[in-house]
């Protein structure tokens, strides 16, 4: 995994860059890492902002 591409993707999200602005070749591992960093940063921001409900407890899932 390219830690640099992962970090760049997270920074891109925080800077307001659109997800489609991924600068890497779509067939490369760096492209996937950049996308993952972007998506992870977005997920954290949504969770902190409260726009996405918290994940249910593992115990509640196991009880089903």
PDB file of N, CA and C in Angstrom:
ATOM      1  N   UNK A   1       0.849  -1.188   0.000  1.00  0.00           N
ATOM      2  CA  UNK A   1       0.000   0.000   0.000  1.00  0.00           C
ATOM      3  C   UNK A   1       0.884   1.237   0.000  1.00  0.00           C
ATOM      4  N   UNK A   2       0.502   2.194  -0.772  1.00  0.00           N
ATOM      5  CA  UNK A   2       1.230   3.452  -0.839  1.00  0.00           C
ATOM      6  C   UNK A   2       0.705   4.408   0.226  1.00  0.00           C
ATOM      7  N   UNK A   3       1.461   4.539   1.302  1.00  0.00           N
ATOM      8  CA  UNK A   3       1.060   5.443   2.385  1.00  0.00           C
ATOM      9  C   UNK A   3       1.008   6.888   1.898  1.00  0.00           C
ATOM     10  N   UNK A   4       1.893   7.230   0.972  1.00  0.00           N
ATOM     11  CA  UNK A   4       1.913   8.598   0.452  1.00  0.00           C
ATOM     12  C   UNK A   4       0.626   8.900  -0.314  1.00  0.00           C
ATOM     13  N   UNK A   5       0.201   7.977  -1.167  1.00  0.00           N
ATOM     14  CA  UNK A   5      -1.034   8.192  -1.929  1.00  0.00           C
ATOM     15  C   UNK A   5      -2.239   8.229  -0.998  1.00  0.00           C
ATOM     16  N   UNK A   6      -2.239   7.378   0.027  1.00  0.00           N
ATOM     17  CA  UNK A   6      -3.317   7.365   1.015  1.00  0.00           C
ATOM     18  C   UNK A   6      -3.414   8.725   1.703  1.00  0.00           C
ATOM     19  N   UNK A   7      -2.263   9.246   2.115  1.00  0.00           N
ATOM     20  CA  UNK A   7      -2.205  10.549   2.777  1.00  0.00           C
ATOM     21  C   UNK A   7      -2.635  11.677   1.836  1.00  0.00           C
ATOM     22  N   UNK A   8      -2.206  11.598   0.591  1.00  0.00           N
ATOM     23  CA  UNK A   8      -2.583  12.626  -0.383  1.00  0.00           C
ATOM     24  C   UNK A   8      -4.088  12.628  -0.636  1.00  0.00           C
ATOM     25  N   UNK A   9      -4.701  11.456  -0.649  1.00  0.00           N
ATOM     26  CA  UNK A   9      -6.149  11.372  -0.832  1.00  0.00           C
ATOM     27  C   UNK A   9      -6.895  12.014   0.323  1.00  0.00           C
ATOM     28  N   UNK A  10      -6.418  11.754   1.553  1.00  0.00           N
ATOM     29  CA  UNK A  10      -7.046  12.359   2.731  1.00  0.00           C
ATOM     30  C   UNK A  10      -6.891  13.876   2.699  1.00  0.00           C
ATOM     31  N   UNK A  11      -5.710  14.338   2.328  1.00  0.00           N
ATOM     32  CA  UNK A  11      -5.475  15.784   2.239  1.00  0.00           C
ATOM     33  C   UNK A  11      -6.354  16.418   1.161  1.00  0.00           C
ATOM     34  N   UNK A  12      -6.549  15.696   0.075  1.00  0.00           N
ATOM     35  CA  UNK A  12      -7.393  16.213  -1.007  1.00  0.00           C
ATOM     36  C   UNK A  12      -8.819  16.422  -0.517  1.00  0.00           C
ATOM     37  N   UNK A  13      -9.349  15.462   0.231  1.00  0.00           N
ATOM     38  CA  UNK A  13     -10.700  15.628   0.765  1.00  0.00           C
ATOM     39  C   UNK A  13     -10.763  16.847   1.673  1.00  0.00           C
ATOM     40  N   UNK A  14      -9.798  16.966   2.570  1.00  0.00           N
ATOM     41  CA  UNK A  14      -9.792  18.080   3.526  1.00  0.00           C
ATOM     42  C   UNK A  14      -9.630  19.430   2.829  1.00  0.00           C
ATOM     43  N   UNK A  15      -9.037  19.420   1.641  1.00  0.00           N
ATOM     44  CA  UNK A  15      -8.843  20.659   0.877  1.00  0.00           C
ATOM     45  C   UNK A  15     -10.030  20.998  -0.014  1.00  0.00           C
ATOM     46  N   UNK A  16     -11.011  20.096  -0.064  1.00  0.00           N
ATOM     47  CA  UNK A  16     -12.191  20.349  -0.876  1.00  0.00           C
ATOM     48  C   UNK A  16     -12.073  19.899  -2.322  1.00  0.00           C
ATOM     49  N   UNK A  17     -11.063  19.103  -2.607  1.00  0.00           N
ATOM     50  CA  UNK A  17     -10.874  18.582  -3.960  1.00  0.00           C
ATOM     51  C   UNK A  17     -11.948  17.526  -4.229  1.00  0.00           C
ATOM     52  N   UNK A  18     -12.434  17.452  -5.464  1.00  0.00           N
ATOM     53  CA  UNK A  18     -13.447  16.454  -5.822  1.00  0.00           C
ATOM     54  C   UNK A  18     -12.798  15.075  -5.948  1.00  0.00           C
ATOM     55  N   UNK A  19     -13.545  14.048  -5.608  1.00  0.00           N
ATOM     56  CA  UNK A  19     -13.035  12.670  -5.631  1.00  0.00           C
ATOM     57  C   UNK A  19     -12.538  12.257  -7.016  1.00  0.00           C
ATOM     58  N   UNK A  20     -13.109  12.802  -8.057  1.00  0.00           N
ATOM     59  CA  UNK A  20     -12.694  12.439  -9.414  1.00  0.00           C
ATOM     60  C   UNK A  20     -11.373  13.087  -9.826  1.00  0.00           C
ATOM     61  N   UNK A  21     -10.790  13.899  -8.963  1.00  0.00           N
ATOM     62  CA  UNK A  21      -9.522  14.560  -9.277  1.00  0.00           C
ATOM     63  C   UNK A  21      -8.310  13.690  -8.944  1.00  0.00           C
ATOM     64  N   UNK A  22      -8.527  12.420  -8.700  1.00  0.00           N
ATOM     65  CA  UNK A  22      -7.441  11.490  -8.393  1.00  0.00           C
ATOM     66  C   UNK A  22      -6.386  11.580  -9.498  1.00  0.00           C
ATOM     67  N   UNK A  23      -5.135  11.948  -9.138  1.00  0.00           N
ATOM     68  CA  UNK A  23      -4.121  12.194 -10.163  1.00  0.00           C
ATOM     69  C   UNK A  23      -3.410  10.944 -10.688  1.00  0.00           C
ATOM     70  N   UNK A  24      -3.706   9.786 -10.132  1.00  0.00           N
ATOM     71  CA  UNK A  24      -2.979   8.579 -10.498  1.00  0.00           C
ATOM     72  C   UNK A  24      -3.661   7.802 -11.621  1.00  0.00           C
ATOM     73  N   UNK A  25      -2.897   6.951 -12.262  1.00  0.00           N
ATOM     74  CA  UNK A  25      -3.402   6.064 -13.315  1.00  0.00           C
ATOM     75  C   UNK A  25      -4.448   5.132 -12.703  1.00  0.00           C
ATOM     76  N   UNK A  26      -5.648   5.070 -13.279  1.00  0.00           N
ATOM     77  CA  UNK A  26      -6.725   4.246 -12.706  1.00  0.00           C
ATOM     78  C   UNK A  26      -6.386   2.767 -12.538  1.00  0.00           C
ATOM     79  N   UNK A  27      -5.405   2.269 -13.241  1.00  0.00           N
ATOM     80  CA  UNK A  27      -5.053   0.857 -13.103  1.00  0.00           C
ATOM     81  C   UNK A  27      -3.940   0.630 -12.083  1.00  0.00           C
ATOM     82  N   UNK A  28      -3.568   1.674 -11.340  1.00  0.00           N
ATOM     83  CA  UNK A  28      -2.454   1.551 -10.396  1.00  0.00           C
ATOM     84  C   UNK A  28      -2.927   1.381  -8.956  1.00  0.00           C
ATOM     85  N   UNK A  29      -2.032   0.820  -8.152  1.00  0.00           N
ATOM     86  CA  UNK A  29      -2.310   0.690  -6.722  1.00  0.00           C
ATOM     87  C   UNK A  29      -2.420   2.073  -6.077  1.00  0.00           C
ATOM     88  N   UNK A  30      -1.617   3.021  -6.542  1.00  0.00           N
ATOM     89  CA  UNK A  30      -1.672   4.377  -5.990  1.00  0.00           C
ATOM     90  C   UNK A  30      -3.049   5.004  -6.184  1.00  0.00           C
ATOM     91  N   UNK A  31      -3.699   4.719  -7.323  1.00  0.00           N
ATOM     92  CA  UNK A  31      -5.045   5.248  -7.561  1.00  0.00           C
ATOM     93  C   UNK A  31      -5.995   4.740  -6.487  1.00  0.00           C
ATOM     94  N   UNK A  32      -5.922   3.436  -6.199  1.00  0.00           N
ATOM     95  CA  UNK A  32      -6.806   2.849  -5.182  1.00  0.00           C
ATOM     96  C   UNK A  32      -6.482   3.387  -3.790  1.00  0.00           C
ATOM     97  N   UNK A  33      -5.202   3.551  -3.486  1.00  0.00           N
ATOM     98  CA  UNK A  33      -4.806   4.080  -2.180  1.00  0.00           C
ATOM     99  C   UNK A  33      -5.273   5.523  -2.012  1.00  0.00           C
ATOM    100  N   UNK A  34      -5.120   6.342  -3.057  1.00  0.00           N
ATOM    101  CA  UNK A  34      -5.574   7.736  -3.005  1.00  0.00           C
ATOM    102  C   UNK A  34      -7.072   7.773  -2.747  1.00  0.00           C
ATOM    103  N   UNK A  35      -7.821   6.941  -3.485  1.00  0.00           N
ATOM    104  CA  UNK A  35      -9.279   6.874  -3.327  1.00  0.00           C
ATOM    105  C   UNK A  35      -9.650   6.426  -1.912  1.00  0.00           C
ATOM    106  N   UNK A  36      -8.935   5.432  -1.386  1.00  0.00           N
ATOM    107  CA  UNK A  36      -9.216   4.952  -0.033  1.00  0.00           C
ATOM    108  C   UNK A  36      -8.951   6.039   1.005  1.00  0.00           C
ATOM    109  N   UNK A  37      -7.857   6.781   0.848  1.00  0.00           N
ATOM    110  CA  UNK A  37      -7.559   7.873   1.771  1.00  0.00           C
ATOM    111  C   UNK A  37      -8.631   8.946   1.723  1.00  0.00           C
ATOM    112  N   UNK A  38      -9.082   9.274   0.520  1.00  0.00           N
ATOM    113  CA  UNK A  38     -10.146  10.260   0.340  1.00  0.00           C
ATOM    114  C   UNK A  38     -11.419   9.785   1.033  1.00  0.00           C
ATOM    115  N   UNK A  39     -11.811   8.533   0.753  1.00  0.00           N
ATOM    116  CA  UNK A  39     -13.050   7.991   1.315  1.00  0.00           C
ATOM    117  C   UNK A  39     -12.987   7.857   2.833  1.00  0.00           C
ATOM    118  N   UNK A  40     -11.831   7.473   3.363  1.00  0.00           N
ATOM    119  CA  UNK A  40     -11.685   7.351   4.813  1.00  0.00           C
ATOM    120  C   UNK A  40     -11.806   8.712   5.487  1.00  0.00           C
ATOM    121  N   UNK A  41     -11.178   9.727   4.918  1.00  0.00           N
ATOM    122  CA  UNK A  41     -11.276  11.074   5.487  1.00  0.00           C
ATOM    123  C   UNK A  41     -12.718  11.572   5.438  1.00  0.00           C
ATOM    124  N   UNK A  42     -13.419  11.270   4.355  1.00  0.00           N
ATOM    125  CA  UNK A  42     -14.824  11.670   4.232  1.00  0.00           C
ATOM    126  C   UNK A  42     -15.681  10.963   5.275  1.00  0.00           C
ATOM    127  N   UNK A  43     -15.446   9.677   5.479  1.00  0.00           N
ATOM    128  CA  UNK A  43     -16.219   8.909   6.461  1.00  0.00           C
ATOM    129  C   UNK A  43     -16.008   9.445   7.873  1.00  0.00           C
ATOM    130  N   UNK A  44     -14.777   9.781   8.206  1.00  0.00           N
ATOM    131  CA  UNK A  44     -14.487  10.338   9.530  1.00  0.00           C
ATOM    132  C   UNK A  44     -15.184  11.681   9.693  1.00  0.00           C
ATOM    133  N   UNK A  45     -15.119  12.528   8.681  1.00  0.00           N
ATOM    134  CA  UNK A  45     -15.761  13.845   8.755  1.00  0.00           C
ATOM    135  C   UNK A  45     -17.270  13.715   8.929  1.00  0.00           C
ATOM    136  N   UNK A  46     -17.875  12.774   8.209  1.00  0.00           N
ATOM    137  CA  UNK A  46     -19.322  12.571   8.336  1.00  0.00           C
ATOM    138  C   UNK A  46     -19.682  12.049   9.716  1.00  0.00           C
ATOM    139  N   UNK A  47     -18.876  11.160  10.255  1.00  0.00           N
ATOM    140  CA  UNK A  47     -19.150  10.595  11.579  1.00  0.00           C
ATOM    141  C   UNK A  47     -19.025  11.673  12.652  1.00  0.00           C
ATOM    142  N   UNK A  48     -17.973  12.488  12.564  1.00  0.00           N
ATOM    143  CA  UNK A  48     -17.752  13.561  13.541  1.00  0.00           C
ATOM    144  C   UNK A  48     -18.863  14.596  13.456  1.00  0.00           C
ATOM    145  N   UNK A  49     -19.315  14.902  12.246  1.00  0.00           N
ATOM    146  CA  UNK A  49     -20.372  15.899  12.057  1.00  0.00           C
ATOM    147  C   UNK A  49     -21.742  15.374  12.473  1.00  0.00           C
ATOM    148  N   UNK A  50     -21.852  14.059  12.640  1.00  0.00           N
ATOM    149  CA  UNK A  50     -23.127  13.472  13.040  1.00  0.00           C
ATOM    150  C   UNK A  50     -24.086  13.265  11.888  1.00  0.00           C
ATOM    151  N   UNK A  51     -23.583  13.360  10.657  1.00  0.00           N
ATOM    152  CA  UNK A  51     -24.466  13.158   9.512  1.00  0.00           C
ATOM    153  C   UNK A  51     -24.674  11.679   9.197  1.00  0.00           C
ATOM    154  N   UNK A  52     -23.868  10.836   9.816  1.00  0.00           N
ATOM    155  CA  UNK A  52     -23.993   9.383   9.660  1.00  0.00           C
ATOM    156  C   UNK A  52     -24.157   8.807  11.058  1.00  0.00           C
ATOM    157  N   UNK A  53     -25.167   7.982  11.289  1.00  0.00           N
ATOM    158  CA  UNK A  53     -25.348   7.420  12.620  1.00  0.00           C
ATOM    159  C   UNK A  53     -24.192   6.509  13.009  1.00  0.00           C
ATOM    160  N   UNK A  54     -23.970   6.401  14.289  1.00  0.00           N
ATOM    161  CA  UNK A  54     -22.903   5.546  14.797  1.00  0.00           C
ATOM    162  C   UNK A  54     -23.183   4.092  14.445  1.00  0.00           C
ATOM    163  N   UNK A  55     -22.125   3.346  14.286  1.00  0.00           N
ATOM    164  CA  UNK A  55     -22.269   1.916  14.000  1.00  0.00           C
ATOM    165  C   UNK A  55     -22.912   1.238  15.206  1.00  0.00           C
ATOM    166  N   UNK A  56     -23.795   0.278  14.980  1.00  0.00           N
ATOM    167  CA  UNK A  56     -24.394  -0.440  16.106  1.00  0.00           C
ATOM    168  C   UNK A  56     -23.338  -1.269  16.826  1.00  0.00           C
ATOM    169  N   UNK A  57     -23.563  -1.508  18.087  1.00  0.00           N
ATOM    170  CA  UNK A  57     -22.615  -2.289  18.878  1.00  0.00           C
ATOM    171  C   UNK A  57     -22.525  -3.709  18.317  1.00  0.00           C
ATOM    172  N   UNK A  58     -21.356  -4.281  18.404  1.00  0.00           N
ATOM    173  CA  UNK A  58     -21.151  -5.640  17.904  1.00  0.00           C
ATOM    174  C   UNK A  58     -22.064  -6.616  18.637  1.00  0.00           C
ATOM    175  N   UNK A  59     -22.283  -6.385  19.917  1.00  0.00           N
ATOM    176  CA  UNK A  59     -23.145  -7.281  20.696  1.00  0.00           C
ATOM    177  C   UNK A  59     -24.569  -7.288  20.145  1.00  0.00           C
ATOM    178  N   UNK A  60     -25.049  -6.140  19.712  1.00  0.00           N
ATOM    179  CA  UNK A  60     -26.405  -6.063  19.174  1.00  0.00           C
ATOM    180  C   UNK A  60     -26.509  -6.827  17.857  1.00  0.00           C
ATOM    181  N   UNK A  61     -25.457  -6.789  17.071  1.00  0.00           N
ATOM    182  CA  UNK A  61     -25.449  -7.517  15.804  1.00  0.00           C
ATOM    183  C   UNK A  61     -25.426  -9.019  16.069  1.00  0.00           C
ATOM    184  N   UNK A  62     -24.619  -9.429  17.031  1.00  0.00           N
ATOM    185  CA  UNK A  62     -24.497 -10.850  17.349  1.00  0.00           C
ATOM    186  C   UNK A  62     -25.797 -11.415  17.909  1.00  0.00           C
ATOM    187  N   UNK A  63     -26.607 -10.572  18.536  1.00  0.00           N
ATOM    188  CA  UNK A  63     -27.856 -11.030  19.143  1.00  0.00           C
ATOM    189  C   UNK A  63     -28.915 -11.350  18.097  1.00  0.00           C
ATOM    190  N   UNK A  64     -28.777 -10.778  16.910  1.00  0.00           N
ATOM    191  CA  UNK A  64     -29.779 -11.008  15.853  1.00  0.00           C
ATOM    192  C   UNK A  64     -29.714 -12.360  15.300  1.00  0.00           C
TER     193      UNK A  64
END
